[in-house]
């Protein structure tokens, strides 16, 4: 509790928290509007099918997410879903305070993609 995350310590933990680093940032298309300062909600990603809130500022190459309440242990190498079947484009956009098309058009080349059909 009381420790900070993000540029300029923009988010401060109000409780004992477990924070994970995800290798995706605004260079990959995660909008900076998905950042969360203390007291503000941010965007989310899914880990093991559960929502993990982005905490701190979205950086160029990484985001930090609060995985404290994820039921299954989160370990290095787990995949985080930025958009996909369980986190539709419009939902991701709303949670990042933008629209789905902005998310879609910003996606960078480093994301793992699966094309169907």
PDB file of N, CA and C in Angstrom:
ATOM      1  N   UNK A   1       0.826  -1.200   0.000  1.00  0.00           N
ATOM      2  CA  UNK A   1       0.000   0.000   0.000  1.00  0.00           C
ATOM      3  C   UNK A   1       0.867   1.259   0.000  1.00  0.00           C
ATOM      4  N   UNK A   2       0.453   2.227  -0.791  1.00  0.00           N
ATOM      5  CA  UNK A   2       1.171   3.484  -0.851  1.00  0.00           C
ATOM      6  C   UNK A   2       2.239   3.556  -1.929  1.00  0.00           C
ATOM      7  N   UNK A   3       2.646   2.421  -2.496  1.00  0.00           N
ATOM      8  CA  UNK A   3       3.653   2.432  -3.569  1.00  0.00           C
ATOM      9  C   UNK A   3       3.009   2.942  -4.854  1.00  0.00           C
ATOM     10  N   UNK A   4       3.835   3.535  -5.732  1.00  0.00           N
ATOM     11  CA  UNK A   4       3.321   4.118  -6.963  1.00  0.00           C
ATOM     12  C   UNK A   4       3.784   3.343  -8.190  1.00  0.00           C
ATOM     13  N   UNK A   5       3.043   3.526  -9.269  1.00  0.00           N
ATOM     14  CA  UNK A   5       3.322   2.888 -10.549  1.00  0.00           C
ATOM     15  C   UNK A   5       3.122   3.933 -11.638  1.00  0.00           C
ATOM     16  N   UNK A   6       3.954   3.890 -12.661  1.00  0.00           N
ATOM     17  CA  UNK A   6       3.776   4.755 -13.826  1.00  0.00           C
ATOM     18  C   UNK A   6       4.616   6.007 -13.757  1.00  0.00           C
ATOM     19  N   UNK A   7       4.738   6.650 -14.921  1.00  0.00           N
ATOM     20  CA  UNK A   7       5.454   7.913 -14.981  1.00  0.00           C
ATOM     21  C   UNK A   7       4.927   8.857 -13.919  1.00  0.00           C
ATOM     22  N   UNK A   8       5.833   9.533 -13.223  1.00  0.00           N
ATOM     23  CA  UNK A   8       5.494  10.509 -12.183  1.00  0.00           C
ATOM     24  C   UNK A   8       4.661   9.894 -11.060  1.00  0.00           C
ATOM     25  N   UNK A   9       4.739   8.573 -10.901  1.00  0.00           N
ATOM     26  CA  UNK A   9       3.981   7.916  -9.832  1.00  0.00           C
ATOM     27  C   UNK A   9       2.500   8.216  -9.924  1.00  0.00           C
ATOM     28  N   UNK A  10       1.945   8.098 -11.133  1.00  0.00           N
ATOM     29  CA  UNK A  10       0.577   8.538 -11.387  1.00  0.00           C
ATOM     30  C   UNK A  10      -0.497   7.691 -10.711  1.00  0.00           C
ATOM     31  N   UNK A  11      -0.162   6.459 -10.314  1.00  0.00           N
ATOM     32  CA  UNK A  11      -1.132   5.605  -9.625  1.00  0.00           C
ATOM     33  C   UNK A  11      -0.504   5.128  -8.334  1.00  0.00           C
ATOM     34  N   UNK A  12      -1.252   5.218  -7.258  1.00  0.00           N
ATOM     35  CA  UNK A  12      -0.771   4.791  -5.944  1.00  0.00           C
ATOM     36  C   UNK A  12      -1.681   3.672  -5.440  1.00  0.00           C
ATOM     37  N   UNK A  13      -1.078   2.576  -5.019  1.00  0.00           N
ATOM     38  CA  UNK A  13      -1.844   1.435  -4.511  1.00  0.00           C
ATOM     39  C   UNK A  13      -2.516   1.798  -3.190  1.00  0.00           C
ATOM     40  N   UNK A  14      -3.801   1.578  -3.144  1.00  0.00           N
ATOM     41  CA  UNK A  14      -4.554   1.823  -1.920  1.00  0.00           C
ATOM     42  C   UNK A  14      -4.592   0.615  -1.001  1.00  0.00           C
ATOM     43  N   UNK A  15      -4.071  -0.497  -1.499  1.00  0.00           N
ATOM     44  CA  UNK A  15      -4.041  -1.748  -0.733  1.00  0.00           C
ATOM     45  C   UNK A  15      -2.852  -2.556  -1.191  1.00  0.00           C
ATOM     46  N   UNK A  16      -2.590  -3.648  -0.517  1.00  0.00           N
ATOM     47  CA  UNK A  16      -1.534  -4.564  -0.946  1.00  0.00           C
ATOM     48  C   UNK A  16      -1.951  -5.097  -2.325  1.00  0.00           C
ATOM     49  N   UNK A  17      -1.101  -4.914  -3.325  1.00  0.00           N
ATOM     50  CA  UNK A  17      -1.462  -5.233  -4.708  1.00  0.00           C
ATOM     51  C   UNK A  17      -0.359  -6.011  -5.403  1.00  0.00           C
ATOM     52  N   UNK A  18      -0.757  -6.799  -6.378  1.00  0.00           N
ATOM     53  CA  UNK A  18       0.192  -7.501  -7.241  1.00  0.00           C
ATOM     54  C   UNK A  18       0.044  -6.892  -8.632  1.00  0.00           C
ATOM     55  N   UNK A  19       1.144  -6.349  -9.146  1.00  0.00           N
ATOM     56  CA  UNK A  19       1.128  -5.649 -10.425  1.00  0.00           C
ATOM     57  C   UNK A  19       1.943  -6.455 -11.438  1.00  0.00           C
ATOM     58  N   UNK A  20       1.388  -6.633 -12.627  1.00  0.00           N
ATOM     59  CA  UNK A  20       2.086  -7.338 -13.701  1.00  0.00           C
ATOM     60  C   UNK A  20       2.445  -6.346 -14.798  1.00  0.00           C
ATOM     61  N   UNK A  21       3.540  -6.628 -15.479  1.00  0.00           N
ATOM     62  CA  UNK A  21       3.974  -5.814 -16.609  1.00  0.00           C
ATOM     63  C   UNK A  21       3.607  -6.563 -17.891  1.00  0.00           C
ATOM     64  N   UNK A  22       2.945  -5.869 -18.796  1.00  0.00           N
ATOM     65  CA  UNK A  22       2.549  -6.443 -20.080  1.00  0.00           C
ATOM     66  C   UNK A  22       3.351  -5.745 -21.168  1.00  0.00           C
ATOM     67  N   UNK A  23       3.945  -6.525 -22.055  1.00  0.00           N
ATOM     68  CA  UNK A  23       4.801  -5.982 -23.109  1.00  0.00           C
ATOM     69  C   UNK A  23       3.963  -5.449 -24.264  1.00  0.00           C
ATOM     70  N   UNK A  24       3.255  -4.370 -24.006  1.00  0.00           N
ATOM     71  CA  UNK A  24       2.475  -3.658 -25.028  1.00  0.00           C
ATOM     72  C   UNK A  24       2.294  -2.238 -24.519  1.00  0.00           C
ATOM     73  N   UNK A  25       2.412  -1.283 -25.401  1.00  0.00           N
ATOM     74  CA  UNK A  25       2.263   0.112 -25.005  1.00  0.00           C
ATOM     75  C   UNK A  25       1.718   0.935 -26.149  1.00  0.00           C
ATOM     76  N   UNK A  26       1.880   2.248 -26.052  1.00  0.00           N
ATOM     77  CA  UNK A  26       1.313   3.089 -27.105  1.00  0.00           C
ATOM     78  C   UNK A  26       2.014   2.901 -28.442  1.00  0.00           C
ATOM     79  N   UNK A  27       3.241   2.400 -28.468  1.00  0.00           N
ATOM     80  CA  UNK A  27       3.894   2.076 -29.743  1.00  0.00           C
ATOM     81  C   UNK A  27       3.203   0.903 -30.427  1.00  0.00           C
ATOM     82  N   UNK A  28       2.466   0.116 -29.665  1.00  0.00           N
ATOM     83  CA  UNK A  28       1.734  -1.034 -30.203  1.00  0.00           C
ATOM     84  C   UNK A  28       0.275  -0.715 -30.470  1.00  0.00           C
ATOM     85  N   UNK A  29      -0.164   0.453 -30.059  1.00  0.00           N
ATOM     86  CA  UNK A  29      -1.543   0.843 -30.298  1.00  0.00           C
ATOM     87  C   UNK A  29      -2.412   0.923 -29.062  1.00  0.00           C
ATOM     88  N   UNK A  30      -1.872   0.614 -27.891  1.00  0.00           N
ATOM     89  CA  UNK A  30      -2.660   0.775 -26.662  1.00  0.00           C
ATOM     90  C   UNK A  30      -2.755   2.282 -26.409  1.00  0.00           C
ATOM     91  N   UNK A  31      -3.955   2.837 -26.446  1.00  0.00           N
ATOM     92  CA  UNK A  31      -4.064   4.298 -26.332  1.00  0.00           C
ATOM     93  C   UNK A  31      -3.660   4.806 -24.951  1.00  0.00           C
ATOM     94  N   UNK A  32      -3.036   5.953 -24.925  1.00  0.00           N
ATOM     95  CA  UNK A  32      -2.648   6.556 -23.654  1.00  0.00           C
ATOM     96  C   UNK A  32      -3.881   6.882 -22.811  1.00  0.00           C
ATOM     97  N   UNK A  33      -5.040   7.016 -23.451  1.00  0.00           N
ATOM     98  CA  UNK A  33      -6.272   7.282 -22.705  1.00  0.00           C
ATOM     99  C   UNK A  33      -6.680   6.099 -21.828  1.00  0.00           C
ATOM    100  N   UNK A  34      -6.025   4.951 -22.013  1.00  0.00           N
ATOM    101  CA  UNK A  34      -6.292   3.781 -21.167  1.00  0.00           C
ATOM    102  C   UNK A  34      -5.533   3.858 -19.848  1.00  0.00           C
ATOM    103  N   UNK A  35      -4.705   4.891 -19.683  1.00  0.00           N
ATOM    104  CA  UNK A  35      -3.956   5.088 -18.436  1.00  0.00           C
ATOM    105  C   UNK A  35      -4.909   5.317 -17.274  1.00  0.00           C
ATOM    106  N   UNK A  36      -4.445   4.973 -16.076  1.00  0.00           N
ATOM    107  CA  UNK A  36      -5.247   5.210 -14.878  1.00  0.00           C
ATOM    108  C   UNK A  36      -4.399   5.885 -13.824  1.00  0.00           C
ATOM    109  N   UNK A  37      -4.785   7.080 -13.457  1.00  0.00           N
ATOM    110  CA  UNK A  37      -4.155   7.761 -12.337  1.00  0.00           C
ATOM    111  C   UNK A  37      -4.883   7.353 -11.070  1.00  0.00           C
ATOM    112  N   UNK A  38      -4.344   7.704  -9.922  1.00  0.00           N
ATOM    113  CA  UNK A  38      -4.994   7.378  -8.662  1.00  0.00           C
ATOM    114  C   UNK A  38      -6.419   7.913  -8.673  1.00  0.00           C
ATOM    115  N   UNK A  39      -7.383   7.052  -8.388  1.00  0.00           N
ATOM    116  CA  UNK A  39      -8.781   7.445  -8.326  1.00  0.00           C
ATOM    117  C   UNK A  39      -9.509   7.400  -9.651  1.00  0.00           C
ATOM    118  N   UNK A  40      -8.797   7.206 -10.768  1.00  0.00           N
ATOM    119  CA  UNK A  40      -9.435   7.146 -12.080  1.00  0.00           C
ATOM    120  C   UNK A  40      -9.380   5.716 -12.608  1.00  0.00           C
ATOM    121  N   UNK A  41     -10.404   5.347 -13.337  1.00  0.00           N
ATOM    122  CA  UNK A  41     -10.398   4.012 -13.928  1.00  0.00           C
ATOM    123  C   UNK A  41      -9.651   4.054 -15.242  1.00  0.00           C
ATOM    124  N   UNK A  42      -9.012   2.973 -15.576  1.00  0.00           N
ATOM    125  CA  UNK A  42      -8.286   2.875 -16.831  1.00  0.00           C
ATOM    126  C   UNK A  42      -8.864   1.771 -17.685  1.00  0.00           C
ATOM    127  N   UNK A  43      -8.175   1.474 -18.761  1.00  0.00           N
ATOM    128  CA  UNK A  43      -8.576   0.371 -19.604  1.00  0.00           C
ATOM    129  C   UNK A  43      -8.304  -0.956 -18.910  1.00  0.00           C
ATOM    130  N   UNK A  44      -8.647  -2.027 -19.576  1.00  0.00           N
ATOM    131  CA  UNK A  44      -8.410  -3.354 -19.016  1.00  0.00           C
ATOM    132  C   UNK A  44      -7.827  -4.272 -20.077  1.00  0.00           C
ATOM    133  N   UNK A  45      -7.195  -5.324 -19.608  1.00  0.00           N
ATOM    134  CA  UNK A  45      -6.793  -6.452 -20.437  1.00  0.00           C
ATOM    135  C   UNK A  45      -7.350  -7.687 -19.735  1.00  0.00           C
ATOM    136  N   UNK A  46      -7.355  -8.799 -20.428  1.00  0.00           N
ATOM    137  CA  UNK A  46      -7.799 -10.048 -19.804  1.00  0.00           C
ATOM    138  C   UNK A  46      -6.608 -10.967 -19.610  1.00  0.00           C
ATOM    139  N   UNK A  47      -6.537 -11.552 -18.443  1.00  0.00           N
ATOM    140  CA  UNK A  47      -5.547 -12.578 -18.121  1.00  0.00           C
ATOM    141  C   UNK A  47      -6.309 -13.755 -17.544  1.00  0.00           C
ATOM    142  N   UNK A  48      -6.141 -14.911 -18.159  1.00  0.00           N
ATOM    143  CA  UNK A  48      -6.880 -16.109 -17.740  1.00  0.00           C
ATOM    144  C   UNK A  48      -8.391 -15.856 -17.748  1.00  0.00           C
ATOM    145  N   UNK A  49      -8.844 -15.010 -18.670  1.00  0.00           N
ATOM    146  CA  UNK A  49     -10.270 -14.725 -18.819  1.00  0.00           C
ATOM    147  C   UNK A  49     -10.826 -13.720 -17.835  1.00  0.00           C
ATOM    148  N   UNK A  50     -10.005 -13.191 -16.971  1.00  0.00           N
ATOM    149  CA  UNK A  50     -10.466 -12.222 -15.972  1.00  0.00           C
ATOM    150  C   UNK A  50      -9.891 -10.842 -16.294  1.00  0.00           C
ATOM    151  N   UNK A  51     -10.676  -9.815 -16.012  1.00  0.00           N
ATOM    152  CA  UNK A  51     -10.259  -8.446 -16.303  1.00  0.00           C
ATOM    153  C   UNK A  51      -9.209  -7.967 -15.313  1.00  0.00           C
ATOM    154  N   UNK A  52      -8.151  -7.372 -15.845  1.00  0.00           N
ATOM    155  CA  UNK A  52      -7.099  -6.755 -15.038  1.00  0.00           C
ATOM    156  C   UNK A  52      -7.017  -5.290 -15.473  1.00  0.00           C
ATOM    157  N   UNK A  53      -7.198  -4.401 -14.534  1.00  0.00           N
ATOM    158  CA  UNK A  53      -7.231  -2.973 -14.831  1.00  0.00           C
ATOM    159  C   UNK A  53      -5.823  -2.436 -15.058  1.00  0.00           C
ATOM    160  N   UNK A  54      -5.688  -1.614 -16.104  1.00  0.00           N
ATOM    161  CA  UNK A  54      -4.427  -0.921 -16.346  1.00  0.00           C
ATOM    162  C   UNK A  54      -4.253   0.103 -15.240  1.00  0.00           C
ATOM    163  N   UNK A  55      -3.073   0.117 -14.616  1.00  0.00           N
ATOM    164  CA  UNK A  55      -2.766   1.088 -13.565  1.00  0.00           C
ATOM    165  C   UNK A  55      -1.520   1.864 -13.975  1.00  0.00           C
ATOM    166  N   UNK A  56      -1.444   3.104 -13.601  1.00  0.00           N
ATOM    167  CA  UNK A  56      -0.339   3.943 -14.034  1.00  0.00           C
ATOM    168  C   UNK A  56      -0.555   4.406 -15.462  1.00  0.00           C
ATOM    169  N   UNK A  57       0.464   4.996 -16.023  1.00  0.00           N
ATOM    170  CA  UNK A  57       0.372   5.509 -17.391  1.00  0.00           C
ATOM    171  C   UNK A  57       0.791   4.451 -18.405  1.00  0.00           C
ATOM    172  N   UNK A  58       0.115   4.462 -19.542  1.00  0.00           N
ATOM    173  CA  UNK A  58       0.526   3.611 -20.653  1.00  0.00           C
ATOM    174  C   UNK A  58       1.860   4.158 -21.152  1.00  0.00           C
ATOM    175  N   UNK A  59       2.878   3.320 -21.174  1.00  0.00           N
ATOM    176  CA  UNK A  59       4.205   3.708 -21.642  1.00  0.00           C
ATOM    177  C   UNK A  59       4.370   3.296 -23.101  1.00  0.00           C
ATOM    178  N   UNK A  60       5.490   3.656 -23.692  1.00  0.00           N
ATOM    179  CA  UNK A  60       5.718   3.330 -25.096  1.00  0.00           C
ATOM    180  C   UNK A  60       5.685   1.827 -25.349  1.00  0.00           C
ATOM    181  N   UNK A  61       6.339   1.054 -24.486  1.00  0.00           N
ATOM    182  CA  UNK A  61       6.465  -0.376 -24.731  1.00  0.00           C
ATOM    183  C   UNK A  61       5.866  -1.264 -23.662  1.00  0.00           C
ATOM    184  N   UNK A  62       5.183  -0.692 -22.689  1.00  0.00           N
ATOM    185  CA  UNK A  62       4.606  -1.535 -21.642  1.00  0.00           C
ATOM    186  C   UNK A  62       3.428  -0.865 -20.959  1.00  0.00           C
ATOM    187  N   UNK A  63       2.636  -1.726 -20.362  1.00  0.00           N
ATOM    188  CA  UNK A  63       1.572  -1.287 -19.463  1.00  0.00           C
ATOM    189  C   UNK A  63       1.707  -2.095 -18.181  1.00  0.00           C
ATOM    190  N   UNK A  64       1.197  -1.551 -17.112  1.00  0.00           N
ATOM    191  CA  UNK A  64       1.166  -2.269 -15.847  1.00  0.00           C
ATOM    192  C   UNK A  64      -0.296  -2.498 -15.488  1.00  0.00           C
ATOM    193  N   UNK A  65      -0.598  -3.695 -15.033  1.00  0.00           N
ATOM    194  CA  UNK A  65      -1.979  -4.057 -14.726  1.00  0.00           C
ATOM    195  C   UNK A  65      -2.063  -4.659 -13.326  1.00  0.00           C
ATOM    196  N   UNK A  66      -3.166  -4.401 -12.659  1.00  0.00           N
ATOM    197  CA  UNK A  66      -3.392  -4.918 -11.312  1.00  0.00           C
ATOM    198  C   UNK A  66      -3.986  -6.315 -11.424  1.00  0.00           C
ATOM    199  N   UNK A  67      -3.210  -7.321 -11.031  1.00  0.00           N
ATOM    200  CA  UNK A  67      -3.662  -8.713 -11.115  1.00  0.00           C
ATOM    201  C   UNK A  67      -3.987  -9.294  -9.738  1.00  0.00           C
ATOM    202  N   UNK A  68      -4.144  -8.427  -8.757  1.00  0.00           N
ATOM    203  CA  UNK A  68      -4.394  -8.859  -7.384  1.00  0.00           C
ATOM    204  C   UNK A  68      -5.595  -9.793  -7.284  1.00  0.00           C
ATOM    205  N   UNK A  69      -6.669  -9.476  -8.006  1.00  0.00           N
ATOM    206  CA  UNK A  69      -7.913 -10.241  -7.870  1.00  0.00           C
ATOM    207  C   UNK A  69      -8.126 -11.282  -8.959  1.00  0.00           C
ATOM    208  N   UNK A  70      -7.106 -11.546  -9.777  1.00  0.00           N
ATOM    209  CA  UNK A  70      -7.226 -12.594 -10.794  1.00  0.00           C
ATOM    210  C   UNK A  70      -7.182 -13.937 -10.074  1.00  0.00           C
ATOM    211  N   UNK A  71      -8.208 -14.775 -10.237  1.00  0.00           N
ATOM    212  CA  UNK A  71      -8.273 -16.034  -9.476  1.00  0.00           C
ATOM    213  C   UNK A  71      -7.109 -16.986  -9.734  1.00  0.00           C
ATOM    214  N   UNK A  72      -6.673 -17.105 -10.978  1.00  0.00           N
ATOM    215  CA  UNK A  72      -5.576 -18.017 -11.317  1.00  0.00           C
ATOM    216  C   UNK A  72      -4.257 -17.245 -11.236  1.00  0.00           C
ATOM    217  N   UNK A  73      -3.213 -17.835 -10.686  1.00  0.00           N
ATOM    218  CA  UNK A  73      -1.935 -17.123 -10.600  1.00  0.00           C
ATOM    219  C   UNK A  73      -1.446 -16.663 -11.975  1.00  0.00           C
ATOM    220  N   UNK A  74      -0.996 -15.436 -12.054  1.00  0.00           N
ATOM    221  CA  UNK A  74      -0.439 -14.872 -13.282  1.00  0.00           C
ATOM    222  C   UNK A  74       1.076 -15.031 -13.205  1.00  0.00           C
ATOM    223  N   UNK A  75       1.645 -15.656 -14.231  1.00  0.00           N
ATOM    224  CA  UNK A  75       3.089 -15.900 -14.244  1.00  0.00           C
ATOM    225  C   UNK A  75       3.692 -15.374 -15.538  1.00  0.00           C
ATOM    226  N   UNK A  76       5.001 -15.176 -15.499  1.00  0.00           N
ATOM    227  CA  UNK A  76       5.730 -14.709 -16.671  1.00  0.00           C
ATOM    228  C   UNK A  76       5.412 -15.597 -17.870  1.00  0.00           C
ATOM    229  N   UNK A  77       5.111 -14.953 -18.995  1.00  0.00           N
ATOM    230  CA  UNK A  77       4.806 -15.690 -20.215  1.00  0.00           C
ATOM    231  C   UNK A  77       3.328 -15.865 -20.491  1.00  0.00           C
ATOM    232  N   UNK A  78       2.471 -15.578 -19.515  1.00  0.00           N
ATOM    233  CA  UNK A  78       1.031 -15.652 -19.762  1.00  0.00           C
ATOM    234  C   UNK A  78       0.648 -14.618 -20.820  1.00  0.00           C
ATOM    235  N   UNK A  79      -0.349 -14.956 -21.625  1.00  0.00           N
ATOM    236  CA  UNK A  79      -0.812 -14.028 -22.650  1.00  0.00           C
ATOM    237  C   UNK A  79      -1.896 -13.113 -22.091  1.00  0.00           C
ATOM    238  N   UNK A  80      -1.779 -11.847 -22.426  1.00  0.00           N
ATOM    239  CA  UNK A  80      -2.798 -10.870 -22.047  1.00  0.00           C
ATOM    240  C   UNK A  80      -3.606 -10.546 -23.299  1.00  0.00           C
ATOM    241  N   UNK A  81      -4.922 -10.586 -23.172  1.00  0.00           N
ATOM    242  CA  UNK A  81      -5.792 -10.267 -24.296  1.00  0.00           C
ATOM    243  C   UNK A  81      -6.105  -8.774 -24.266  1.00  0.00           C
ATOM    244  N   UNK A  82      -5.678  -8.069 -25.316  1.00  0.00           N
ATOM    245  CA  UNK A  82      -5.930  -6.638 -25.438  1.00  0.00           C
ATOM    246  C   UNK A  82      -7.279  -6.422 -26.120  1.00  0.00           C
ATOM    247  N   UNK A  83      -7.533  -7.148 -27.187  1.00  0.00           N
ATOM    248  CA  UNK A  83      -8.828  -7.266 -27.849  1.00  0.00           C
ATOM    249  C   UNK A  83      -8.941  -8.700 -28.318  1.00  0.00           C
ATOM    250  N   UNK A  84     -10.135  -9.184 -28.419  1.00  0.00           N
ATOM    251  CA  UNK A  84     -10.323 -10.556 -28.869  1.00  0.00           C
ATOM    252  C   UNK A  84     -11.712 -11.042 -28.556  1.00  0.00           C
ATOM    253  N   UNK A  85     -11.915 -12.351 -28.643  1.00  0.00           N
ATOM    254  CA  UNK A  85     -13.250 -12.907 -28.432  1.00  0.00           C
ATOM    255  C   UNK A  85     -13.865 -12.554 -27.079  1.00  0.00           C
ATOM    256  N   UNK A  86     -13.057 -12.544 -26.037  1.00  0.00           N
ATOM    257  CA  UNK A  86     -13.590 -12.264 -24.700  1.00  0.00           C
ATOM    258  C   UNK A  86     -13.541 -10.778 -24.340  1.00  0.00           C
ATOM    259  N   UNK A  87     -12.843  -9.976 -25.137  1.00  0.00           N
ATOM    260  CA  UNK A  87     -12.763  -8.533 -24.909  1.00  0.00           C
ATOM    261  C   UNK A  87     -12.977  -7.846 -26.256  1.00  0.00           C
ATOM    262  N   UNK A  88     -14.257  -7.693 -26.641  1.00  0.00           N
ATOM    263  CA  UNK A  88     -14.573  -7.129 -27.954  1.00  0.00           C
ATOM    264  C   UNK A  88     -14.013  -5.719 -28.133  1.00  0.00           C
ATOM    265  N   UNK A  89     -13.801  -5.373 -29.364  1.00  0.00           N
ATOM    266  CA  UNK A  89     -13.226  -4.092 -29.738  1.00  0.00           C
ATOM    267  C   UNK A  89     -13.949  -2.908 -29.099  1.00  0.00           C
ATOM    268  N   UNK A  90     -15.255  -2.897 -29.163  1.00  0.00           N
ATOM    269  CA  UNK A  90     -16.024  -1.773 -28.608  1.00  0.00           C
ATOM    270  C   UNK A  90     -15.876  -1.684 -27.087  1.00  0.00           C
ATOM    271  N   UNK A  91     -15.829  -2.818 -26.421  1.00  0.00           N
ATOM    272  CA  UNK A  91     -15.637  -2.832 -24.967  1.00  0.00           C
ATOM    273  C   UNK A  91     -14.255  -2.293 -24.616  1.00  0.00           C
ATOM    274  N   UNK A  92     -13.237  -2.750 -25.341  1.00  0.00           N
ATOM    275  CA  UNK A  92     -11.877  -2.258 -25.107  1.00  0.00           C
ATOM    276  C   UNK A  92     -11.820  -0.752 -25.323  1.00  0.00           C
ATOM    277  N   UNK A  93     -12.483  -0.268 -26.360  1.00  0.00           N
ATOM    278  CA  UNK A  93     -12.515   1.161 -26.632  1.00  0.00           C
ATOM    279  C   UNK A  93     -13.197   1.949 -25.530  1.00  0.00           C
ATOM    280  N   UNK A  94     -14.354   1.491 -25.092  1.00  0.00           N
ATOM    281  CA  UNK A  94     -15.075   2.182 -24.022  1.00  0.00           C
ATOM    282  C   UNK A  94     -14.244   2.254 -22.754  1.00  0.00           C
ATOM    283  N   UNK A  95     -13.609   1.166 -22.390  1.00  0.00           N
ATOM    284  CA  UNK A  95     -12.807   1.134 -21.165  1.00  0.00           C
ATOM    285  C   UNK A  95     -11.571   2.029 -21.265  1.00  0.00           C
ATOM    286  N   UNK A  96     -11.125   2.302 -22.509  1.00  0.00           N
ATOM    287  CA  UNK A  96      -9.977   3.188 -22.725  1.00  0.00           C
ATOM    288  C   UNK A  96     -10.429   4.611 -23.058  1.00  0.00           C
ATOM    289  N   UNK A  97     -11.710   4.869 -22.867  1.00  0.00           N
ATOM    290  CA  UNK A  97     -12.286   6.199 -23.105  1.00  0.00           C
ATOM    291  C   UNK A  97     -12.134   6.650 -24.553  1.00  0.00           C
ATOM    292  N   UNK A  98     -12.324   5.706 -25.482  1.00  0.00           N
ATOM    293  CA  UNK A  98     -12.268   6.023 -26.900  1.00  0.00           C
ATOM    294  C   UNK A  98     -13.260   5.112 -27.614  1.00  0.00           C
ATOM    295  N   UNK A  99     -13.078   4.908 -28.902  1.00  0.00           N
ATOM    296  CA  UNK A  99     -13.965   4.028 -29.663  1.00  0.00           C
ATOM    297  C   UNK A  99     -13.167   2.835 -30.186  1.00  0.00           C
ATOM    298  N   UNK A 100     -13.877   1.794 -30.506  1.00  0.00           N
ATOM    299  CA  UNK A 100     -13.230   0.575 -30.980  1.00  0.00           C
ATOM    300  C   UNK A 100     -12.388   0.770 -32.223  1.00  0.00           C
ATOM    301  N   UNK A 101     -12.854   1.601 -33.143  1.00  0.00           N
ATOM    302  CA  UNK A 101     -12.091   1.816 -34.382  1.00  0.00           C
ATOM    303  C   UNK A 101     -10.733   2.449 -34.112  1.00  0.00           C
ATOM    304  N   UNK A 102     -10.626   3.303 -33.101  1.00  0.00           N
ATOM    305  CA  UNK A 102      -9.326   3.877 -32.769  1.00  0.00           C
ATOM    306  C   UNK A 102      -8.377   2.780 -32.290  1.00  0.00           C
ATOM    307  N   UNK A 103      -8.888   1.881 -31.476  1.00  0.00           N
ATOM    308  CA  UNK A 103      -8.077   0.745 -31.016  1.00  0.00           C
ATOM    309  C   UNK A 103      -7.616  -0.073 -32.233  1.00  0.00           C
ATOM    310  N   UNK A 104      -8.550  -0.405 -33.090  1.00  0.00           N
ATOM    311  CA  UNK A 104      -8.254  -1.254 -34.247  1.00  0.00           C
ATOM    312  C   UNK A 104      -7.219  -0.627 -35.170  1.00  0.00           C
ATOM    313  N   UNK A 105      -7.355   0.657 -35.461  1.00  0.00           N
ATOM    314  CA  UNK A 105      -6.447   1.280 -36.421  1.00  0.00           C
ATOM    315  C   UNK A 105      -5.067   1.547 -35.839  1.00  0.00           C
ATOM    316  N   UNK A 106      -4.918   1.488 -34.527  1.00  0.00           N
ATOM    317  CA  UNK A 106      -3.620   1.732 -33.901  1.00  0.00           C
ATOM    318  C   UNK A 106      -2.814   0.462 -33.648  1.00  0.00           C
ATOM    319  N   UNK A 107      -3.411  -0.703 -33.780  1.00  0.00           N
ATOM    320  CA  UNK A 107      -2.703  -1.938 -33.445  1.00  0.00           C
ATOM    321  C   UNK A 107      -1.414  -2.058 -34.237  1.00  0.00           C
ATOM    322  N   UNK A 108      -0.329  -2.299 -33.534  1.00  0.00           N
ATOM    323  CA  UNK A 108       0.987  -2.388 -34.146  1.00  0.00           C
ATOM    324  C   UNK A 108       1.313  -3.786 -34.643  1.00  0.00           C
ATOM    325  N   UNK A 109       2.501  -3.929 -35.190  1.00  0.00           N
ATOM    326  CA  UNK A 109       2.915  -5.199 -35.802  1.00  0.00           C
ATOM    327  C   UNK A 109       3.409  -6.224 -34.796  1.00  0.00           C
ATOM    328  N   UNK A 110       3.640  -5.821 -33.543  1.00  0.00           N
ATOM    329  CA  UNK A 110       4.189  -6.768 -32.561  1.00  0.00           C
ATOM    330  C   UNK A 110       3.140  -7.666 -31.927  1.00  0.00           C
ATOM    331  N   UNK A 111       1.858  -7.386 -32.132  1.00  0.00           N
ATOM    332  CA  UNK A 111       0.814  -8.211 -31.534  1.00  0.00           C
ATOM    333  C   UNK A 111       0.737  -9.567 -32.214  1.00  0.00           C
ATOM    334  N   UNK A 112       0.451 -10.587 -31.420  1.00  0.00           N
ATOM    335  CA  UNK A 112       0.174 -11.927 -31.949  1.00  0.00           C
ATOM    336  C   UNK A 112      -1.228 -11.880 -32.543  1.00  0.00           C
ATOM    337  N   UNK A 113      -1.348 -12.308 -33.763  1.00  0.00           N
ATOM    338  CA  UNK A 113      -2.644 -12.275 -34.441  1.00  0.00           C
ATOM    339  C   UNK A 113      -3.044 -13.685 -34.845  1.00  0.00           C
ATOM    340  N   UNK A 114      -4.354 -13.936 -34.823  1.00  0.00           N
ATOM    341  CA  UNK A 114      -4.920 -15.174 -35.315  1.00  0.00           C
ATOM    342  C   UNK A 114      -6.009 -14.772 -36.295  1.00  0.00           C
ATOM    343  N   UNK A 115      -5.869 -15.159 -37.547  1.00  0.00           N
ATOM    344  CA  UNK A 115      -6.851 -14.829 -38.574  1.00  0.00           C
ATOM    345  C   UNK A 115      -7.768 -16.036 -38.797  1.00  0.00           C
ATOM    346  N   UNK A 116      -9.049 -15.796 -38.788  1.00  0.00           N
ATOM    347  CA  UNK A 116     -10.033 -16.849 -38.982  1.00  0.00           C
ATOM    348  C   UNK A 116     -10.867 -16.554 -40.218  1.00  0.00           C
ATOM    349  N   UNK A 117     -11.221 -17.600 -40.951  1.00  0.00           N
ATOM    350  CA  UNK A 117     -12.143 -17.444 -42.073  1.00  0.00           C
ATOM    351  C   UNK A 117     -11.555 -16.930 -43.347  1.00  0.00           C
TER     352      UNK A 117
END
